[in-house]
């Protein structure tokens, strides 16, 4: 998205047009802390990673297990204003959106490290409160059991919710995106690499990654 363009977002079924200045204001007034389902605050903790957490968790864990979450799917549905883009030139990052299923990684955190892990995740994932911190049941793929895991689901009412973008729109945002954590292209390719290392594929992400590898321009 080029600087000066309007940003369109659906909130509660009503379409609204936001200027870049209004985007900055909207992000600025988002609550610093949103209601969480991370409690209770003691004992071991499971964390479900489906994007960059798969290849850069950033917190200490004692076990890493392939896992599957039912009811939500991985999607490039979040405009990135900080880590992989700016409000003027948003990047695009992953969120869990409603429907379907998602394969990822479940990390087991020892009870002594629980508070540190949660604090780290909130600082990393909740910069603009575009995600809801929730607990979801996930199936561990190396053993027939289910655990309750902390994860981050996109807030569909947030100004950064991108919805379902076309492949061409995704490519444009990824190619232009660069933020505090680096360029958007590396984010997508690193996530695809982690997915392949885990032994499965995500067809929409793999299509986008192939276009990035091939140097296809969104301006063609």
Protein backbone atom coordinates (compact mmCIF):
# COMPACT_ATOMS: atom_id res chain seq x y z
CA UNK A 1 0.00 0.00 0.00
CA UNK A 2 1.58 3.26 -1.09
CA UNK A 3 1.76 6.28 1.20
CA UNK A 4 -1.30 8.48 0.98
CA UNK A 5 -3.66 5.69 -0.09
CA UNK A 6 -6.80 5.05 1.89
CA UNK A 7 -7.01 2.01 4.12
CA UNK A 8 -10.23 0.02 4.05
CA UNK A 9 -11.34 -2.17 6.93
CA UNK A 10 -14.53 -4.01 7.86
CA UNK A 11 -15.71 -3.44 11.42
CA UNK A 12 -18.86 -5.20 12.56
CA UNK A 13 -19.97 -5.57 8.95
CA UNK A 14 -19.69 -1.82 8.19
CA UNK A 15 -17.10 -0.71 5.64
CA UNK A 16 -15.17 2.44 6.48
CA UNK A 17 -12.42 4.42 4.74
CA UNK A 18 -9.47 5.49 6.88
CA UNK A 19 -6.71 7.90 5.95
CA UNK A 20 -3.14 7.17 7.03
CA UNK A 21 -3.48 9.77 9.81
CA UNK A 22 -6.61 8.06 11.10
CA UNK A 23 -4.80 4.71 11.05
CA UNK A 24 -2.08 6.12 13.32
CA UNK A 25 -4.70 7.54 15.68
CA UNK A 26 -6.69 4.30 15.72
CA UNK A 27 -3.62 2.22 16.56
CA UNK A 28 -2.57 4.72 19.20
CA UNK A 29 -5.85 4.46 21.10
CA UNK A 30 -5.96 0.66 21.11
CA UNK A 31 -5.76 -0.65 24.69
CA UNK A 32 -2.27 -1.50 25.91
CA UNK A 33 -3.62 -4.69 27.47
CA UNK A 34 -6.62 -6.68 26.36
CA UNK A 35 -8.53 -9.38 28.28
CA UNK A 36 -6.56 -12.60 28.33
CA UNK A 37 -7.28 -16.27 28.76
CA UNK A 38 -3.72 -17.04 29.86
CA UNK A 39 -4.69 -17.66 33.49
CA UNK A 40 -4.11 -19.57 35.69
CA UNK A 41 -0.67 -18.05 36.14
CA UNK A 42 1.06 -21.08 37.65
CA UNK A 43 2.16 -24.49 36.42
CA UNK A 44 3.44 -25.53 33.02
CA UNK A 45 2.32 -23.67 29.91
CA UNK A 46 1.82 -24.77 26.31
CA UNK A 47 2.18 -22.21 23.53
CA UNK A 48 0.94 -22.83 19.97
CA UNK A 49 3.07 -21.25 17.25
CA UNK A 50 1.92 -21.04 13.63
CA UNK A 51 4.08 -18.26 12.12
CA UNK A 52 7.39 -16.74 13.19
CA UNK A 53 7.20 -18.53 16.55
CA UNK A 54 7.87 -21.74 14.63
CA UNK A 55 11.36 -20.56 13.65
CA UNK A 56 12.08 -17.89 16.27
CA UNK A 57 10.20 -18.64 19.49
CA UNK A 58 12.31 -16.29 21.62
CA UNK A 59 11.43 -17.88 24.97
CA UNK A 60 12.74 -20.89 26.88
CA UNK A 61 10.89 -24.19 26.50
CA UNK A 62 11.44 -27.80 27.52
CA UNK A 63 9.59 -29.54 24.70
CA UNK A 64 8.67 -28.80 21.09
CA UNK A 65 5.96 -30.92 19.46
CA UNK A 66 4.18 -30.77 16.07
CA UNK A 67 0.55 -29.91 16.76
CA UNK A 68 -2.77 -29.21 15.10
CA UNK A 69 -5.45 -26.67 16.03
CA UNK A 70 -9.02 -27.18 14.83
CA UNK A 71 -11.44 -24.30 14.21
CA UNK A 72 -9.06 -21.61 12.94
CA UNK A 73 -6.59 -21.41 10.08
CA UNK A 74 -3.32 -19.63 9.35
CA UNK A 75 -3.70 -16.62 7.03
CA UNK A 76 -1.80 -13.54 5.93
CA UNK A 77 -4.57 -11.37 7.28
CA UNK A 78 -2.79 -8.79 9.46
CA UNK A 79 -1.35 -5.51 8.18
CA UNK A 80 2.01 -5.01 9.88
CA UNK A 81 2.68 -1.46 11.04
CA UNK A 82 5.69 -2.24 13.28
CA UNK A 83 7.59 -5.54 12.84
CA UNK A 84 7.39 -5.95 9.04
CA UNK A 85 6.03 -2.64 7.80
CA UNK A 86 4.87 0.85 8.71
CA UNK A 87 1.46 2.58 8.68
CA UNK A 88 2.54 4.34 5.46
CA UNK A 89 3.72 1.10 3.80
CA UNK A 90 2.15 -1.81 5.65
CA UNK A 91 3.61 -5.27 5.46
CA UNK A 92 1.55 -8.42 5.93
CA UNK A 93 1.90 -11.02 8.67
CA UNK A 94 0.09 -14.12 9.80
CA UNK A 95 -2.85 -14.47 12.12
CA UNK A 96 -5.22 -17.24 13.11
CA UNK A 97 -8.58 -16.52 11.50
CA UNK A 98 -11.87 -18.33 11.94
CA UNK A 99 -12.62 -21.64 10.23
CA UNK A 100 -10.61 -24.64 9.12
CA UNK A 101 -7.55 -26.01 10.87
CA UNK A 102 -3.90 -25.14 11.35
CA UNK A 103 -0.77 -27.25 11.74
CA UNK A 104 2.03 -25.69 13.73
CA UNK A 105 4.23 -26.28 16.76
CA UNK A 106 3.34 -26.59 20.45
CA UNK A 107 5.99 -25.46 22.92
CA UNK A 108 5.95 -26.70 26.53
CA UNK A 109 7.19 -24.12 29.03
CA UNK A 110 8.23 -25.10 32.55
CA UNK A 111 6.21 -23.50 35.32
CA UNK A 112 9.26 -21.56 36.55
CA UNK A 113 9.60 -19.92 33.12
CA UNK A 114 5.90 -19.37 32.53
CA UNK A 115 5.69 -15.72 33.61
CA UNK A 116 8.77 -14.76 31.61
CA UNK A 117 7.42 -16.49 28.49
CA UNK A 118 4.00 -14.82 28.72
CA UNK A 119 5.53 -11.39 29.33
CA UNK A 120 7.82 -11.86 26.33
CA UNK A 121 4.98 -12.97 24.08
CA UNK A 122 2.80 -10.02 25.06
CA UNK A 123 5.60 -7.56 24.33
CA UNK A 124 6.20 -9.20 20.96
CA UNK A 125 2.67 -9.96 19.77
CA UNK A 126 0.62 -7.19 21.37
CA UNK A 127 2.45 -4.07 20.18
CA UNK A 128 -0.78 -2.75 18.65
CA UNK A 129 -3.24 -5.25 20.20
CA UNK A 130 -4.22 -6.67 16.81
CA UNK A 131 -4.31 -10.17 18.33
CA UNK A 132 -6.51 -11.65 21.03
CA UNK A 133 -4.58 -13.72 23.55
CA UNK A 134 -6.58 -16.92 23.96
CA UNK A 135 -6.33 -20.55 24.96
CA UNK A 136 -7.16 -23.24 22.43
CA UNK A 137 -7.17 -27.02 22.52
CA UNK A 138 -4.45 -28.41 20.25
CA UNK A 139 -3.70 -31.99 19.31
CA UNK A 140 -0.10 -33.13 19.76
CA UNK A 141 0.85 -35.10 16.67
CA UNK A 142 3.45 -37.35 18.26
CA UNK A 143 1.04 -38.72 20.86
CA UNK A 144 -2.73 -39.14 21.01
CA UNK A 145 -3.56 -36.36 23.43
CA UNK A 146 -4.84 -32.83 23.52
CA UNK A 147 -3.49 -29.88 25.53
CA UNK A 148 -4.71 -26.37 26.22
CA UNK A 149 -2.29 -23.89 24.61
CA UNK A 150 -1.84 -20.15 24.64
CA UNK A 151 -2.01 -18.62 21.18
CA UNK A 152 -2.85 -15.41 19.35
CA UNK A 153 -5.96 -15.02 17.20
CA UNK A 154 -6.56 -11.99 14.98
CA UNK A 155 -9.06 -9.41 16.20
CA UNK A 156 -11.39 -8.95 13.24
CA UNK A 157 -12.53 -5.56 14.55
CA UNK A 158 -9.01 -4.11 14.61
CA UNK A 159 -7.90 -1.55 12.01
CA UNK A 160 -5.01 -3.87 11.03
CA UNK A 161 -7.26 -6.77 10.10
CA UNK A 162 -6.72 -7.22 6.36
CA UNK A 163 -9.35 -9.86 5.71
CA UNK A 164 -8.97 -12.12 2.71
CA UNK A 165 -6.59 -10.54 0.21
CA UNK A 166 -5.87 -11.75 -3.31
CA UNK A 167 -2.49 -13.31 -4.03
CA UNK A 168 -1.48 -10.19 -5.99
CA UNK A 169 -2.39 -7.94 -3.04
CA UNK A 170 -0.44 -10.16 -0.67
CA UNK A 171 2.59 -10.03 -2.96
CA UNK A 172 2.46 -6.23 -3.14
CA UNK A 173 2.40 -5.79 0.62
CA UNK A 174 5.11 -8.38 1.25
CA UNK A 175 7.42 -6.85 -1.36
CA UNK A 176 7.04 -3.35 0.08
CA UNK A 177 7.05 -4.28 3.77
CA UNK A 178 10.01 -3.49 6.00
CA UNK A 179 9.83 -2.85 9.74
CA UNK A 180 11.66 -3.13 13.03
CA UNK A 181 12.13 -6.90 12.68
CA UNK A 182 13.31 -6.78 9.06
CA UNK A 183 11.79 -7.15 5.62
CA UNK A 184 8.51 -8.90 4.98
CA UNK A 185 9.94 -11.20 2.31
CA UNK A 186 12.27 -12.90 4.82
CA UNK A 187 9.35 -13.39 7.21
CA UNK A 188 7.31 -15.27 4.62
CA UNK A 189 10.21 -17.38 3.34
CA UNK A 190 11.39 -18.27 6.86
CA UNK A 191 7.89 -19.36 7.82
CA UNK A 192 7.56 -21.51 4.72
CA UNK A 193 10.96 -23.04 5.50
CA UNK A 194 9.81 -23.91 9.03
CA UNK A 195 6.59 -25.43 7.68
CA UNK A 196 8.55 -27.60 5.24
CA UNK A 197 10.97 -28.63 8.01
CA UNK A 198 7.96 -29.78 10.04
CA UNK A 199 6.95 -32.03 7.15
CA UNK A 200 3.87 -30.37 5.70
CA UNK A 201 2.83 -27.65 3.28
CA UNK A 202 0.61 -24.58 3.37
CA UNK A 203 -0.53 -24.13 -0.23
CA UNK A 204 -1.37 -20.37 -0.17
CA UNK A 205 1.92 -19.51 1.55
CA UNK A 206 3.90 -21.79 -0.75
CA UNK A 207 2.39 -20.10 -3.82
CA UNK A 208 3.40 -16.71 -2.49
CA UNK A 209 6.88 -17.94 -1.57
CA UNK A 210 7.36 -19.30 -5.10
CA UNK A 211 6.46 -15.89 -6.55
CA UNK A 212 8.98 -14.24 -4.23
CA UNK A 213 11.66 -16.77 -5.21
CA UNK A 214 10.93 -16.22 -8.90
CA UNK A 215 11.21 -12.44 -8.51
CA UNK A 216 7.70 -11.82 -9.83
CA UNK A 217 6.75 -8.17 -9.42
CA UNK A 218 3.35 -7.05 -8.12
CA UNK A 219 3.52 -4.16 -10.65
CA UNK A 220 3.53 -6.37 -13.74
